[in-house]
Amino acid sequence: MAVENVTGAVEDIAGEDVAVEAATAHRYPVAPGIRLKVRSGPGTQYELLRVLPLGASVPINCQKPGERVTGTYGTSNVWDNIGNGQYVADAYVKTGSDGYVAPRCT
């Protein structure tokens, strides 16, 4: 399974460091050559929020079933939550598993 460990911080408006993640998070690479679409829900019918750049990697906060999608890593109905209200099709994310690798979203 290919994962990359990262930690990070961001600067708030006043210039002070704000912890983004309390612990080390795993990031999973998006399939090579894919500019993955980020949607507002687990399916292509949901609003397109943005498109990830080539070579992106994503955190997986939780996963939920949704529309079945065929991608680089097979066919799956699993969608990965990568941020508040942001989902990508797991079929394009190299998790090393055909199933769930994170808790189910509630």
Protein backbone atom coordinates (compact mmCIF):
# COMPACT_ATOMS: atom_id res chain seq x y z
CA MET A 1 0.00 0.00 0.00
CA ALA A 2 1.47 3.33 -1.02
CA VAL A 3 0.92 6.02 1.57
CA GLU A 4 2.84 9.10 2.48
CA ASN A 5 3.01 10.43 6.04
CA VAL A 6 2.63 14.18 6.45
CA THR A 7 1.94 16.71 9.15
CA GLY A 8 1.19 20.35 8.64
CA ALA A 9 0.25 23.74 9.94
CA VAL A 10 -1.26 26.84 8.40
CA GLU A 11 -0.91 30.48 9.29
CA ASP A 12 -4.03 32.28 10.43
CA ILE A 13 -4.81 35.90 9.52
CA ALA A 14 -2.87 37.23 12.51
CA GLY A 15 0.21 35.27 11.39
CA GLU A 16 0.11 32.69 14.17
CA ASP A 17 0.61 29.01 13.42
CA VAL A 18 -2.54 26.92 13.70
CA ALA A 19 -2.25 23.13 13.86
CA VAL A 20 -4.07 21.49 10.97
CA GLU A 21 -3.75 17.95 12.24
CA ALA A 22 -2.99 16.86 15.77
CA ALA A 23 -1.50 13.58 14.63
CA THR A 24 0.21 12.31 11.53
CA ALA A 25 -2.25 11.76 8.69
CA HIS A 26 -1.99 9.31 5.82
CA ARG A 27 -2.31 10.68 2.31
CA TYR A 28 -3.14 8.43 -0.61
CA PRO A 29 -1.95 9.16 -4.16
CA VAL A 30 -4.41 9.86 -6.96
CA ALA A 31 -3.82 7.70 -10.05
CA PRO A 32 -1.06 8.98 -12.36
CA GLY A 33 -2.27 11.24 -15.15
CA ILE A 34 -5.63 11.89 -13.44
CA ARG A 35 -6.96 15.32 -12.49
CA LEU A 36 -9.55 14.04 -10.03
CA LYS A 37 -12.87 15.86 -9.63
CA VAL A 38 -13.92 16.78 -6.10
CA ARG A 39 -17.69 16.66 -5.60
CA SER A 40 -20.06 17.81 -2.86
CA GLY A 41 -21.39 14.27 -2.36
CA PRO A 42 -20.71 10.62 -3.28
CA GLY A 43 -21.66 10.69 -6.96
CA THR A 44 -21.16 12.45 -10.29
CA GLN A 45 -24.57 14.11 -9.99
CA TYR A 46 -23.29 16.20 -7.06
CA GLU A 47 -21.85 19.68 -7.56
CA LEU A 48 -18.30 19.85 -8.91
CA LEU A 49 -16.31 21.81 -6.31
CA ARG A 50 -12.82 21.72 -7.84
CA VAL A 51 -10.36 19.57 -9.76
CA LEU A 52 -7.19 18.27 -8.13
CA PRO A 53 -3.88 18.83 -9.94
CA LEU A 54 -1.85 16.03 -11.48
CA GLY A 55 0.23 14.19 -8.88
CA ALA A 56 -2.12 15.04 -6.02
CA SER A 57 -2.50 12.94 -2.89
CA VAL A 58 -5.49 13.06 -0.58
CA PRO A 59 -6.33 12.37 3.06
CA ILE A 60 -9.27 10.03 3.63
CA ASN A 61 -11.26 11.19 6.64
CA CYS A 62 -14.07 8.68 6.13
CA GLN A 63 -15.73 6.77 3.31
CA LYS A 64 -19.30 6.18 2.19
CA PRO A 65 -21.11 4.23 -0.49
CA GLY A 66 -22.43 6.11 -3.49
CA GLU A 67 -22.51 5.96 -7.26
CA ARG A 68 -20.57 3.06 -8.81
CA VAL A 69 -17.59 4.40 -10.78
CA THR A 70 -15.00 2.65 -12.94
CA GLY A 71 -11.53 4.14 -12.64
CA THR A 72 -7.83 3.34 -12.78
CA TYR A 73 -8.04 1.01 -9.76
CA GLY A 74 -11.22 -0.86 -10.72
CA THR A 75 -14.95 -0.39 -10.25
CA SER A 76 -16.22 0.72 -6.87
CA ASN A 77 -19.13 2.46 -5.18
CA VAL A 78 -16.83 3.75 -2.39
CA TRP A 79 -16.33 7.51 -2.17
CA ASP A 80 -13.62 9.14 -0.05
CA ASN A 81 -14.31 12.19 2.10
CA ILE A 82 -11.22 14.39 1.77
CA GLY A 83 -12.58 17.43 3.58
CA ASN A 84 -15.78 18.98 4.86
CA GLY A 85 -18.38 18.17 2.18
CA GLN A 86 -15.73 17.08 -0.34
CA TYR A 87 -15.74 13.63 -1.98
CA VAL A 88 -13.66 11.84 -4.60
CA ALA A 89 -14.24 8.47 -6.26
CA ASP A 90 -12.11 5.82 -4.54
CA ALA A 91 -11.62 4.03 -7.89
CA TYR A 92 -9.01 6.70 -8.72
CA VAL A 93 -7.20 6.68 -5.35
CA LYS A 94 -4.43 4.16 -4.61
CA THR A 95 -5.40 2.83 -1.18
CA GLY A 96 -4.06 -0.71 -1.64
CA SER A 97 -7.50 -2.16 -0.93
CA ASP A 98 -10.68 -2.98 -2.84
CA GLY A 99 -12.78 -2.01 0.18
CA TYR A 100 -12.92 0.49 2.98
CA VAL A 101 -9.66 1.77 4.51
CA ALA A 102 -11.26 4.39 6.77
CA PRO A 103 -14.37 4.55 8.95
CA ARG A 104 -17.71 5.03 7.22
CA CYS A 105 -18.96 8.61 7.13
CA THR A 106 -21.99 9.25 9.32
